[in-house]
Amino acid sequence: MTFAEFRRAFGAMLIGLALTLGVVSTASAATVVTVNGEPISDVQVDQRLRLFRMEGNNTGRNGALQQLITEAIQLQEAKRLGISVSNAQVDDAFLQISRNLNVSRDRLTQMLQQGGVSAQTLQDRLRAAIAWNAVTEAAITPQVQISELELDQRAAQQIADFQNFDYILKEVIFVGGGGRSSQANRYRSSFAGCDTAVELSLAYTDVAVVDIGRRHATQMPDAIAKELAGLNVGGISKPRAVEAGLSMLAICEKVQAEDLTFVKGGLREDVGGDALAQEAEAYLERLRSQAKIFYQ
């Protein structure tokens, strides 16, 4: 991996993980700001700025300084809540980054050094990220409430007409695949309903009739749900390739029924994630507004 490739991959990965930066110990360096009495040095800012450049982050020196201030506040809040981050946790996170980049731990350290960044700088960043994740879980997640009414409304907006059906289905499988398409189509043309599905299959070799049971349209891929929506009870879908061979779905029962359960399941995670992110941002803003920040 070239340095340019590393820069792109490293920057994209850290942005995707939403990692935050930590504090580097630099006892002999000049202090540029204190956060609730905790100093941040010019060396720390320089190191963070170098890391920014490796990531392709162009927010500059002030961006690096503000990020360090934020991380100091995050770590202090974790400490107030009795949350500690072990060196083992940080080492595991550092190793995971090297794996994501498909390089060894030592090679990652070398790449950082080539950019003028110490491994400790990244490790401190990881420590802050891990600590803040723990703060989020302990203090913020319990405050996030997801409105069932909002989920219902969003889910209803996403349901299409072809998804408003509930089925009882049988699956007819012609084992062996594409070479049996003519037989599958002959079966389909002769199909007269679920009651005779097994009897009809006896005229063919290597055919299985399986009771699928009840399925709502939202549990199926859209293409299949659309096809079934256009069929009546006693109808059977066109053959489609599956791992075992060729599959057709026969409709034994069909009723119009709106079911938001499965749509809401996916929405719950999305809406909850958005709400959690907003609450975490507000929580951090409150901490920052209360912090004693003095620039030197």
C-alpha atoms as a PDB file:
ATOM      1  CA  MET A   1       0.000   0.000   0.000  1.00  0.00           C
ATOM      2  CA  THR A   2       1.415   3.405  -0.998  1.00  0.00           C
ATOM      3  CA  PHE A   3       1.333   6.442   1.262  1.00  0.00           C
ATOM      4  CA  ALA A   4      -1.370   8.001  -0.937  1.00  0.00           C
ATOM      5  CA  GLU A   5      -3.473   4.849  -0.708  1.00  0.00           C
ATOM      6  CA  PHE A   6      -2.987   4.789   3.041  1.00  0.00           C
ATOM      7  CA  ARG A   7      -4.093   8.402   3.293  1.00  0.00           C
ATOM      8  CA  ARG A   8      -7.321   7.738   1.424  1.00  0.00           C
ATOM      9  CA  ALA A   9      -8.121   4.488   3.211  1.00  0.00           C
ATOM     10  CA  PHE A  10      -7.099   5.711   6.643  1.00  0.00           C
ATOM     11  CA  GLY A  11      -9.050   8.941   6.347  1.00  0.00           C
ATOM     12  CA  ALA A  12     -12.202   7.278   5.032  1.00  0.00           C
ATOM     13  CA  MET A  13     -12.081   4.585   7.681  1.00  0.00           C
ATOM     14  CA  LEU A  14     -11.683   6.970  10.602  1.00  0.00           C
ATOM     15  CA  ILE A  15     -14.449   9.220   9.299  1.00  0.00           C
ATOM     16  CA  GLY A  16     -16.697   6.128   8.879  1.00  0.00           C
ATOM     17  CA  LEU A  17     -15.997   5.006  12.435  1.00  0.00           C
ATOM     18  CA  ALA A  18     -16.610   8.530  13.733  1.00  0.00           C
ATOM     19  CA  LEU A  19     -13.589   8.299  15.997  1.00  0.00           C
ATOM     20  CA  THR A  20     -12.595  11.216  18.172  1.00  0.00           C
ATOM     21  CA  LEU A  21      -9.119  12.262  19.187  1.00  0.00           C
ATOM     22  CA  GLY A  22      -7.465  12.048  22.633  1.00  0.00           C
ATOM     23  CA  VAL A  23      -4.721  13.719  24.670  1.00  0.00           C
ATOM     24  CA  VAL A  24      -0.985  13.166  24.267  1.00  0.00           C
ATOM     25  CA  SER A  25       1.270  13.495  27.272  1.00  0.00           C
ATOM     26  CA  THR A  26       3.865  16.204  26.580  1.00  0.00           C
ATOM     27  CA  ALA A  27       5.215  17.447  29.879  1.00  0.00           C
ATOM     28  CA  SER A  28       7.915  19.678  28.320  1.00  0.00           C
ATOM     29  CA  ALA A  29       5.694  21.316  25.697  1.00  0.00           C
ATOM     30  CA  ALA A  30       4.053  24.740  25.907  1.00  0.00           C
ATOM     31  CA  THR A  31       0.406  24.830  26.990  1.00  0.00           C
ATOM     32  CA  VAL A  32      -1.965  26.471  24.510  1.00  0.00           C
ATOM     33  CA  VAL A  33      -5.255  25.875  26.348  1.00  0.00           C
ATOM     34  CA  THR A  34      -6.548  24.350  29.565  1.00  0.00           C
ATOM     35  CA  VAL A  35      -9.848  22.468  29.793  1.00  0.00           C
ATOM     36  CA  ASN A  36     -11.172  22.333  33.350  1.00  0.00           C
ATOM     37  CA  GLY A  37      -7.572  22.683  34.471  1.00  0.00           C
ATOM     38  CA  GLU A  38      -6.208  20.022  32.117  1.00  0.00           C
ATOM     39  CA  PRO A  39      -3.530  21.370  29.729  1.00  0.00           C
ATOM     40  CA  ILE A  40      -3.356  20.790  25.982  1.00  0.00           C
ATOM     41  CA  SER A  41       0.067  21.489  24.510  1.00  0.00           C
ATOM     42  CA  ASP A  42       1.299  22.891  21.219  1.00  0.00           C
ATOM     43  CA  VAL A  43       2.924  19.504  20.505  1.00  0.00           C
ATOM     44  CA  GLN A  44      -0.416  17.769  20.871  1.00  0.00           C
ATOM     45  CA  VAL A  45      -1.989  20.230  18.444  1.00  0.00           C
ATOM     46  CA  ASP A  46       0.876  19.729  15.983  1.00  0.00           C
ATOM     47  CA  GLN A  47       0.533  15.949  16.197  1.00  0.00           C
ATOM     48  CA  ARG A  48      -3.209  16.146  15.647  1.00  0.00           C
ATOM     49  CA  LEU A  49      -2.747  18.456  12.695  1.00  0.00           C
ATOM     50  CA  ARG A  50      -0.339  15.966  11.115  1.00  0.00           C
ATOM     51  CA  LEU A  51      -2.890  13.201  11.639  1.00  0.00           C
ATOM     52  CA  PHE A  52      -5.512  15.418  10.010  1.00  0.00           C
ATOM     53  CA  ARG A  53      -3.284  15.791   6.968  1.00  0.00           C
ATOM     54  CA  MET A  54      -2.850  12.034   6.679  1.00  0.00           C
ATOM     55  CA  GLU A  55      -6.646  11.702   6.690  1.00  0.00           C
ATOM     56  CA  GLY A  56      -7.160  14.467   4.162  1.00  0.00           C
ATOM     57  CA  ASN A  57      -8.863  16.616   6.811  1.00  0.00           C
ATOM     58  CA  ASN A  58      -8.416  20.273   5.867  1.00  0.00           C
ATOM     59  CA  THR A  59      -9.905  21.962   8.945  1.00  0.00           C
ATOM     60  CA  GLY A  60      -6.461  23.202   9.924  1.00  0.00           C
ATOM     61  CA  ARG A  61      -4.809  23.959  13.241  1.00  0.00           C
ATOM     62  CA  ASN A  62      -7.910  25.388  14.884  1.00  0.00           C
ATOM     63  CA  GLY A  63      -9.856  22.299  13.907  1.00  0.00           C
ATOM     64  CA  ALA A  64      -7.193  20.138  15.521  1.00  0.00           C
ATOM     65  CA  LEU A  65      -7.262  22.244  18.675  1.00  0.00           C
ATOM     66  CA  GLN A  66     -11.050  22.191  18.934  1.00  0.00           C
ATOM     67  CA  GLN A  67     -11.098  18.441  18.512  1.00  0.00           C
ATOM     68  CA  LEU A  68      -8.581  18.010  21.306  1.00  0.00           C
ATOM     69  CA  ILE A  69     -10.703  20.235  23.553  1.00  0.00           C
ATOM     70  CA  THR A  70     -13.768  18.137  22.780  1.00  0.00           C
ATOM     71  CA  GLU A  71     -11.914  14.936  23.564  1.00  0.00           C
ATOM     72  CA  ALA A  72     -10.626  16.298  26.846  1.00  0.00           C
ATOM     73  CA  ILE A  73     -14.224  17.059  27.834  1.00  0.00           C
ATOM     74  CA  GLN A  74     -15.342  13.593  26.754  1.00  0.00           C
ATOM     75  CA  LEU A  75     -12.629  11.863  28.759  1.00  0.00           C
ATOM     76  CA  GLN A  76     -13.370  14.007  31.800  1.00  0.00           C
ATOM     77  CA  GLU A  77     -17.066  13.101  31.623  1.00  0.00           C
ATOM     78  CA  ALA A  78     -16.176   9.429  31.358  1.00  0.00           C
ATOM     79  CA  LYS A  79     -14.023   9.761  34.466  1.00  0.00           C
ATOM     80  CA  ARG A  80     -16.854  11.531  36.319  1.00  0.00           C
ATOM     81  CA  LEU A  81     -19.140   8.596  35.520  1.00  0.00           C
ATOM     82  CA  GLY A  82     -16.564   6.103  36.727  1.00  0.00           C
ATOM     83  CA  ILE A  83     -15.764   4.866  33.227  1.00  0.00           C
ATOM     84  CA  SER A  84     -12.200   3.814  32.501  1.00  0.00           C
ATOM     85  CA  VAL A  85     -10.636   2.548  29.302  1.00  0.00           C
ATOM     86  CA  SER A  86      -7.960  -0.121  29.617  1.00  0.00           C
ATOM     87  CA  ASN A  87      -4.788  -0.247  27.553  1.00  0.00           C
ATOM     88  CA  ALA A  88      -5.965  -3.606  26.249  1.00  0.00           C
ATOM     89  CA  GLN A  89      -9.100  -1.995  24.794  1.00  0.00           C
ATOM     90  CA  VAL A  90      -7.009   0.648  23.076  1.00  0.00           C
ATOM     91  CA  ASP A  91      -4.561  -1.954  21.758  1.00  0.00           C
ATOM     92  CA  ASP A  92      -7.443  -4.007  20.362  1.00  0.00           C
ATOM     93  CA  ALA A  93      -8.864  -0.950  18.582  1.00  0.00           C
ATOM     94  CA  PHE A  94      -5.438  -0.060  17.168  1.00  0.00           C
ATOM     95  CA  LEU A  95      -5.027  -3.620  15.902  1.00  0.00           C
ATOM     96  CA  GLN A  96      -8.496  -3.529  14.339  1.00  0.00           C
ATOM     97  CA  ILE A  97      -7.545  -0.437  12.357  1.00  0.00           C
ATOM     98  CA  SER A  98      -4.443  -2.180  11.026  1.00  0.00           C
ATOM     99  CA  ARG A  99      -6.586  -5.153  10.009  1.00  0.00           C
ATOM    100  CA  ASN A 100      -9.091  -2.890   8.264  1.00  0.00           C
ATOM    101  CA  LEU A 101      -6.193  -1.432   6.286  1.00  0.00           C
ATOM    102  CA  ASN A 102      -4.806  -4.923   5.585  1.00  0.00           C
ATOM    103  CA  VAL A 103      -1.461  -4.096   7.182  1.00  0.00           C
ATOM    104  CA  SER A 104       0.307  -5.322  10.287  1.00  0.00           C
ATOM    105  CA  ARG A 105       0.342  -3.369  13.527  1.00  0.00           C
ATOM    106  CA  ASP A 106       4.034  -2.569  12.999  1.00  0.00           C
ATOM    107  CA  ARG A 107       3.373  -1.420   9.442  1.00  0.00           C
ATOM    108  CA  LEU A 108       0.600   0.890  10.640  1.00  0.00           C
ATOM    109  CA  THR A 109       3.000   2.382  13.174  1.00  0.00           C
ATOM    110  CA  GLN A 110       5.567   2.916  10.400  1.00  0.00           C
ATOM    111  CA  MET A 111       2.969   4.615   8.199  1.00  0.00           C
ATOM    112  CA  LEU A 112       2.054   6.970  10.997  1.00  0.00           C
ATOM    113  CA  GLN A 113       5.717   7.757  11.580  1.00  0.00           C
ATOM    114  CA  GLN A 114       6.168   8.507   7.888  1.00  0.00           C
ATOM    115  CA  GLY A 115       3.492  11.163   8.335  1.00  0.00           C
ATOM    116  CA  GLY A 116       5.225  12.518  11.398  1.00  0.00           C
ATOM    117  CA  VAL A 117       2.602  11.083  13.759  1.00  0.00           C
ATOM    118  CA  SER A 118       3.354   8.995  16.827  1.00  0.00           C
ATOM    119  CA  ALA A 119       1.379   5.825  17.457  1.00  0.00           C
ATOM    120  CA  GLN A 120       0.467   7.300  20.834  1.00  0.00           C
ATOM    121  CA  THR A 121      -1.458  10.084  19.100  1.00  0.00           C
ATOM    122  CA  LEU A 122      -3.756   7.591  17.409  1.00  0.00           C
ATOM    123  CA  GLN A 123      -4.002   5.500  20.569  1.00  0.00           C
ATOM    124  CA  ASP A 124      -5.105   8.542  22.556  1.00  0.00           C
ATOM    125  CA  ARG A 125      -7.679   9.256  19.902  1.00  0.00           C
ATOM    126  CA  LEU A 126      -8.999   5.724  20.215  1.00  0.00           C
ATOM    127  CA  ARG A 127      -9.091   5.973  23.999  1.00  0.00           C
ATOM    128  CA  ALA A 128     -11.333   9.031  23.783  1.00  0.00           C
ATOM    129  CA  ALA A 129     -13.601   7.329  21.244  1.00  0.00           C
ATOM    130  CA  ILE A 130     -13.995   4.232  23.399  1.00  0.00           C
ATOM    131  CA  ALA A 131     -14.655   6.345  26.483  1.00  0.00           C
ATOM    132  CA  TRP A 132     -17.304   8.429  24.745  1.00  0.00           C
ATOM    133  CA  ASN A 133     -19.028   5.338  23.401  1.00  0.00           C
ATOM    134  CA  ALA A 134     -19.265   4.099  26.982  1.00  0.00           C
ATOM    135  CA  VAL A 135     -20.635   7.466  28.130  1.00  0.00           C
ATOM    136  CA  THR A 136     -23.224   7.309  25.351  1.00  0.00           C
ATOM    137  CA  GLU A 137     -24.322   3.856  26.410  1.00  0.00           C
ATOM    138  CA  ALA A 138     -24.455   4.662  30.107  1.00  0.00           C
ATOM    139  CA  ALA A 139     -25.842   8.189  30.195  1.00  0.00           C
ATOM    140  CA  ILE A 140     -27.412   9.021  26.834  1.00  0.00           C
ATOM    141  CA  THR A 141     -29.026   5.887  25.399  1.00  0.00           C
ATOM    142  CA  PRO A 142     -31.491   5.544  28.332  1.00  0.00           C
ATOM    143  CA  GLN A 143     -32.785   9.047  27.539  1.00  0.00           C
ATOM    144  CA  VAL A 144     -33.639   8.252  23.922  1.00  0.00           C
ATOM    145  CA  GLN A 145     -37.317   7.517  23.406  1.00  0.00           C
ATOM    146  CA  ILE A 146     -38.646   6.285  20.067  1.00  0.00           C
ATOM    147  CA  SER A 147     -42.243   7.178  19.319  1.00  0.00           C
ATOM    148  CA  GLU A 148     -44.253   4.191  18.147  1.00  0.00           C
ATOM    149  CA  LEU A 149     -46.658   6.596  16.445  1.00  0.00           C
ATOM    150  CA  GLU A 150     -43.794   8.119  14.471  1.00  0.00           C
ATOM    151  CA  LEU A 151     -42.582   4.663  13.495  1.00  0.00           C
ATOM    152  CA  ASP A 152     -46.094   3.693  12.365  1.00  0.00           C
ATOM    153  CA  GLN A 153     -46.416   6.840  10.282  1.00  0.00           C
ATOM    154  CA  ARG A 154     -43.014   6.415   8.633  1.00  0.00           C
ATOM    155  CA  ALA A 155     -43.593   2.730   7.983  1.00  0.00           C
ATOM    156  CA  ALA A 156     -47.010   3.382   6.413  1.00  0.00           C
ATOM    157  CA  GLN A 157     -45.393   5.859   4.021  1.00  0.00           C
ATOM    158  CA  GLN A 158     -42.935   3.198   2.892  1.00  0.00           C
ATOM    159  CA  ILE A 159     -45.484   0.439   2.260  1.00  0.00           C
ATOM    160  CA  ALA A 160     -46.367   0.039  -1.425  1.00  0.00           C
ATOM    161  CA  ASP A 161     -49.680  -1.344  -2.706  1.00  0.00           C
ATOM    162  CA  PHE A 162     -48.104  -4.685  -3.635  1.00  0.00           C
ATOM    163  CA  GLN A 163     -46.956  -5.120  -0.036  1.00  0.00           C
ATOM    164  CA  ASN A 164     -50.440  -5.032   1.497  1.00  0.00           C
ATOM    165  CA  PHE A 165     -51.047  -8.784   1.272  1.00  0.00           C
ATOM    166  CA  ASP A 166     -50.737 -11.726   3.589  1.00  0.00           C
ATOM    167  CA  TYR A 167     -50.216 -15.184   2.069  1.00  0.00           C
ATOM    168  CA  ILE A 168     -50.121 -18.868   2.873  1.00  0.00           C
ATOM    169  CA  LEU A 169     -47.668 -20.367   0.400  1.00  0.00           C
ATOM    170  CA  LYS A 170     -46.215 -23.613  -0.868  1.00  0.00           C
ATOM    171  CA  GLU A 171     -42.867 -23.781  -2.622  1.00  0.00           C
ATOM    172  CA  VAL A 172     -42.359 -26.166  -5.517  1.00  0.00           C
ATOM    173  CA  ILE A 173     -38.689 -26.889  -6.193  1.00  0.00           C
ATOM    174  CA  PHE A 174     -37.363 -28.626  -9.281  1.00  0.00           C
ATOM    175  CA  VAL A 175     -33.994 -29.857  -8.080  1.00  0.00           C
ATOM    176  CA  GLY A 176     -31.218 -29.469 -10.593  1.00  0.00           C
ATOM    177  CA  GLY A 177     -31.501 -25.981 -12.009  1.00  0.00           C
ATOM    178  CA  GLY A 178     -31.762 -24.432 -15.443  1.00  0.00           C
ATOM    179  CA  GLY A 179     -31.784 -27.665 -17.419  1.00  0.00           C
ATOM    180  CA  ARG A 180     -35.224 -28.397 -15.975  1.00  0.00           C
ATOM    181  CA  SER A 181     -36.902 -25.136 -16.901  1.00  0.00           C
ATOM    182  CA  SER A 182     -39.148 -26.782 -19.508  1.00  0.00           C
ATOM    183  CA  GLN A 183     -40.432 -29.275 -16.906  1.00  0.00           C
ATOM    184  CA  ALA A 184     -40.982 -26.495 -14.370  1.00  0.00           C
ATOM    185  CA  ASN A 185     -42.973 -24.494 -16.900  1.00  0.00           C
ATOM    186  CA  ARG A 186     -45.059 -27.569 -17.794  1.00  0.00           C
ATOM    187  CA  TYR A 187     -45.811 -28.062 -14.102  1.00  0.00           C
ATOM    188  CA  ARG A 188     -46.790 -24.418 -13.812  1.00  0.00           C
ATOM    189  CA  SER A 189     -49.136 -24.588 -16.802  1.00  0.00           C
ATOM    190  CA  SER A 190     -50.827 -27.664 -15.292  1.00  0.00           C
ATOM    191  CA  PHE A 191     -51.024 -26.312 -11.745  1.00  0.00           C
ATOM    192  CA  ALA A 192     -54.595 -26.257 -10.434  1.00  0.00           C
ATOM    193  CA  GLY A 193     -54.105 -25.179  -6.832  1.00  0.00           C
ATOM    194  CA  CYS A 194     -52.360 -26.097  -3.615  1.00  0.00           C
ATOM    195  CA  ASP A 195     -54.599 -29.104  -2.882  1.00  0.00           C
ATOM    196  CA  THR A 196     -53.197 -31.009  -5.864  1.00  0.00           C
ATOM    197  CA  ALA A 197     -49.640 -29.611  -5.761  1.00  0.00           C
ATOM    198  CA  VAL A 198     -48.090 -32.791  -4.351  1.00  0.00           C
ATOM    199  CA  GLU A 199     -50.114 -35.105  -6.585  1.00  0.00           C
ATOM    200  CA  LEU A 200     -49.073 -33.145  -9.675  1.00  0.00           C
ATOM    201  CA  SER A 201     -45.426 -33.298  -8.624  1.00  0.00           C
ATOM    202  CA  LEU A 202     -45.482 -37.117  -8.748  1.00  0.00           C
ATOM    203  CA  ALA A 203     -45.463 -36.962 -12.539  1.00  0.00           C
ATOM    204  CA  TYR A 204     -41.975 -35.433 -12.377  1.00  0.00           C
ATOM    205  CA  THR A 205     -38.653 -36.571 -10.936  1.00  0.00           C
ATOM    206  CA  ASP A 206     -36.710 -34.748  -8.223  1.00  0.00           C
ATOM    207  CA  VAL A 207     -39.479 -32.334  -7.312  1.00  0.00           C
ATOM    208  CA  ALA A 208     -40.155 -31.168  -3.751  1.00  0.00           C
ATOM    209  CA  VAL A 209     -43.303 -29.456  -2.489  1.00  0.00           C
ATOM    210  CA  VAL A 210     -42.675 -27.561   0.746  1.00  0.00           C
ATOM    211  CA  ASP A 211     -45.193 -25.816   2.992  1.00  0.00           C
ATOM    212  CA  ILE A 212     -43.860 -22.294   3.486  1.00  0.00           C
ATOM    213  CA  GLY A 213     -46.763 -21.258   5.682  1.00  0.00           C
ATOM    214  CA  ARG A 214     -47.851 -17.690   6.328  1.00  0.00           C
ATOM    215  CA  ARG A 215     -45.782 -14.864   4.888  1.00  0.00           C
ATOM    216  CA  HIS A 216     -46.526 -11.190   4.610  1.00  0.00           C
ATOM    217  CA  ALA A 217     -45.422  -9.376   1.470  1.00  0.00           C
ATOM    218  CA  THR A 218     -43.006  -7.198   3.466  1.00  0.00           C
ATOM    219  CA  GLN A 219     -41.050 -10.355   4.330  1.00  0.00           C
ATOM    220  CA  MET A 220     -40.272 -10.997   0.675  1.00  0.00           C
ATOM    221  CA  PRO A 221     -38.008  -9.386  -1.902  1.00  0.00           C
ATOM    222  CA  ASP A 222     -39.897  -6.715  -3.821  1.00  0.00           C
ATOM    223  CA  ALA A 223     -39.727  -8.583  -7.136  1.00  0.00           C
ATOM    224  CA  ILE A 224     -41.421 -11.663  -5.660  1.00  0.00           C
ATOM    225  CA  ALA A 225     -43.983  -9.603  -3.730  1.00  0.00           C
ATOM    226  CA  LYS A 226     -44.917  -7.737  -6.900  1.00  0.00           C
ATOM    227  CA  GLU A 227     -45.393 -10.965  -8.848  1.00  0.00           C
ATOM    228  CA  LEU A 228     -47.517 -12.564  -6.137  1.00  0.00           C
ATOM    229  CA  ALA A 229     -49.636  -9.419  -5.816  1.00  0.00           C
ATOM    230  CA  GLY A 230     -50.683  -9.946  -9.427  1.00  0.00           C
ATOM    231  CA  LEU A 231     -51.763 -13.574  -8.867  1.00  0.00           C
ATOM    232  CA  ASN A 232     -54.959 -14.954  -7.380  1.00  0.00           C
ATOM    233  CA  VAL A 233     -55.403 -17.833  -4.953  1.00  0.00           C
ATOM    234  CA  GLY A 234     -54.424 -20.995  -6.811  1.00  0.00           C
ATOM    235  CA  GLY A 235     -51.838 -19.162  -8.869  1.00  0.00           C
ATOM    236  CA  ILE A 236     -48.157 -20.008  -9.005  1.00  0.00           C
ATOM    237  CA  SER A 237     -45.156 -17.793  -9.733  1.00  0.00           C
ATOM    238  CA  LYS A 238     -42.747 -18.167 -12.623  1.00  0.00           C
ATOM    239  CA  PRO A 239     -39.706 -20.430 -12.044  1.00  0.00           C
ATOM    240  CA  ARG A 240     -36.744 -18.618 -10.561  1.00  0.00           C
ATOM    241  CA  ALA A 241     -33.258 -19.902  -9.914  1.00  0.00           C
ATOM    242  CA  VAL A 242     -32.378 -20.766  -6.313  1.00  0.00           C
ATOM    243  CA  GLU A 243     -29.456 -22.671  -4.820  1.00  0.00           C
ATOM    244  CA  ALA A 244     -31.283 -26.011  -4.985  1.00  0.00           C
ATOM    245  CA  GLY A 245     -32.604 -25.582  -8.519  1.00  0.00           C
ATOM    246  CA  LEU A 246     -35.763 -23.860  -9.787  1.00  0.00           C
ATOM    247  CA  SER A 247     -38.366 -22.561  -7.371  1.00  0.00           C
ATOM    248  CA  MET A 248     -42.018 -21.525  -7.765  1.00  0.00           C
ATOM    249  CA  LEU A 249     -44.332 -20.153  -5.092  1.00  0.00           C
ATOM    250  CA  ALA A 250     -47.962 -21.252  -5.041  1.00  0.00           C
ATOM    251  CA  ILE A 251     -50.632 -19.102  -3.384  1.00  0.00           C
ATOM    252  CA  CYS A 252     -52.885 -21.177  -1.118  1.00  0.00           C
ATOM    253  CA  GLU A 253     -54.480 -18.198   0.646  1.00  0.00           C
ATOM    254  CA  LYS A 254     -54.272 -14.468   0.032  1.00  0.00           C
ATOM    255  CA  VAL A 255     -55.833 -11.630   2.011  1.00  0.00           C
ATOM    256  CA  GLN A 256     -55.287  -7.885   2.022  1.00  0.00           C
ATOM    257  CA  ALA A 257     -53.515  -7.025   5.252  1.00  0.00           C
ATOM    258  CA  GLU A 258     -51.238  -4.136   6.145  1.00  0.00           C
ATOM    259  CA  ASP A 259     -48.431  -5.313   8.400  1.00  0.00           C
ATOM    260  CA  LEU A 260     -45.859  -2.738   9.473  1.00  0.00           C
ATOM    261  CA  THR A 261     -43.900  -5.077  11.743  1.00  0.00           C
ATOM    262  CA  PHE A 262     -40.988  -5.801   9.448  1.00  0.00           C
ATOM    263  CA  VAL A 263     -40.764  -2.293   8.011  1.00  0.00           C
ATOM    264  CA  LYS A 264     -40.789  -0.851  11.537  1.00  0.00           C
ATOM    265  CA  GLY A 265     -37.959  -3.170  12.531  1.00  0.00           C
ATOM    266  CA  GLY A 266     -35.570  -1.522  10.094  1.00  0.00           C
ATOM    267  CA  LEU A 267     -36.915   1.953  10.798  1.00  0.00           C
ATOM    268  CA  ARG A 268     -36.510   1.506  14.543  1.00  0.00           C
ATOM    269  CA  GLU A 269     -32.763   1.149  14.132  1.00  0.00           C
ATOM    270  CA  ASP A 270     -32.524   4.130  11.768  1.00  0.00           C
ATOM    271  CA  VAL A 271     -34.743   6.426  13.814  1.00  0.00           C
ATOM    272  CA  GLY A 272     -33.138   5.320  17.065  1.00  0.00           C
ATOM    273  CA  GLY A 273     -29.676   5.935  15.638  1.00  0.00           C
ATOM    274  CA  ASP A 274     -30.624   9.435  14.496  1.00  0.00           C
ATOM    275  CA  ALA A 275     -32.227  10.252  17.827  1.00  0.00           C
ATOM    276  CA  LEU A 276     -29.233   8.922  19.735  1.00  0.00           C
ATOM    277  CA  ALA A 277     -26.810  10.958  17.621  1.00  0.00           C
ATOM    278  CA  GLN A 278     -28.828  14.137  18.227  1.00  0.00           C
ATOM    279  CA  GLU A 279     -29.063  13.501  21.967  1.00  0.00           C
ATOM    280  CA  ALA A 280     -25.328  12.729  22.179  1.00  0.00           C
ATOM    281  CA  GLU A 281     -24.517  15.954  20.343  1.00  0.00           C
ATOM    282  CA  ALA A 282     -26.765  17.959  22.668  1.00  0.00           C
ATOM    283  CA  TYR A 283     -25.210  16.255  25.712  1.00  0.00           C
ATOM    284  CA  LEU A 284     -21.724  17.140  24.500  1.00  0.00           C
ATOM    285  CA  GLU A 285     -22.737  20.731  23.798  1.00  0.00           C
ATOM    286  CA  ARG A 286     -24.007  21.048  27.367  1.00  0.00           C
ATOM    287  CA  LEU A 287     -20.706  19.716  28.710  1.00  0.00           C
ATOM    288  CA  ARG A 288     -18.749  22.102  26.519  1.00  0.00           C
ATOM    289  CA  SER A 289     -20.842  25.118  27.578  1.00  0.00           C
ATOM    290  CA  GLN A 290     -20.187  24.261  31.238  1.00  0.00           C
ATOM    291  CA  ALA A 291     -16.448  23.636  30.771  1.00  0.00           C
ATOM    292  CA  LYS A 292     -13.820  26.158  31.898  1.00  0.00           C
ATOM    293  CA  ILE A 293     -11.714  26.645  28.767  1.00  0.00           C
ATOM    294  CA  PHE A 294      -8.829  29.109  28.978  1.00  0.00           C
ATOM    295  CA  TYR A 295      -6.586  29.890  25.999  1.00  0.00           C
ATOM    296  CA  GLN A 296      -2.982  30.789  26.800  1.00  0.00           C
END
